[in-house]
C-alpha cells in the first residue's frame, strides 16, 4: 500500500545506477582468489529496475498476517519471552541456517530499546574486530527507492 512516504519514482541515486547493463567482475573479486571453488565464465546479472511503489512485505499489516508470528513457538530451535531462533529453509548445504527474530512484531527500525540492547553493541563497520573511533562526519543517508 503506497503512502505519502512511499517513493513513487526512483531516487537520484537509483536513477544513476547502470540498470539493465551487464557489468564485469572486478579483477580483485572473490572469483580471483586461489581458494575460489569455481572456474569458467562468471557473469554478474544485470541490475533490474526498482519496483515502485514497493509491494508490501508478507505480514506488513500486522501479526495476523505474519508467517513468523503465526508459527507456533514450539517449532523454534530456541525461544525465550522476547526472541525466537528459527531454522531457515531445508535445501542448504550449510550445517545450519538460522534467523534470530523478535517475538514481538518489529523491524529493526522500530525494535524497542530493551530488545535492541539484548542484541549487544553494534558491529564495527568493515567486519569483526574492535570498533575504531570515527574520523570525520558521516554523510547524509539516501533512501534507495
Foldseek 3Di string as FASTA:
>chain_A
DDDPPQDQDFDPVLVPDQAPDWDDDDCPDPVVDPPPPDDDDDTDGGHHRDDPSDDADQQNVHLVRHPLLPDDLVQFPDDDPFWTKHFPDDPDPDPTDIDIDTNHPDDPVPPDPVVVVVVPDDAAPPDDDDHDDDDDDDDDDDDRD
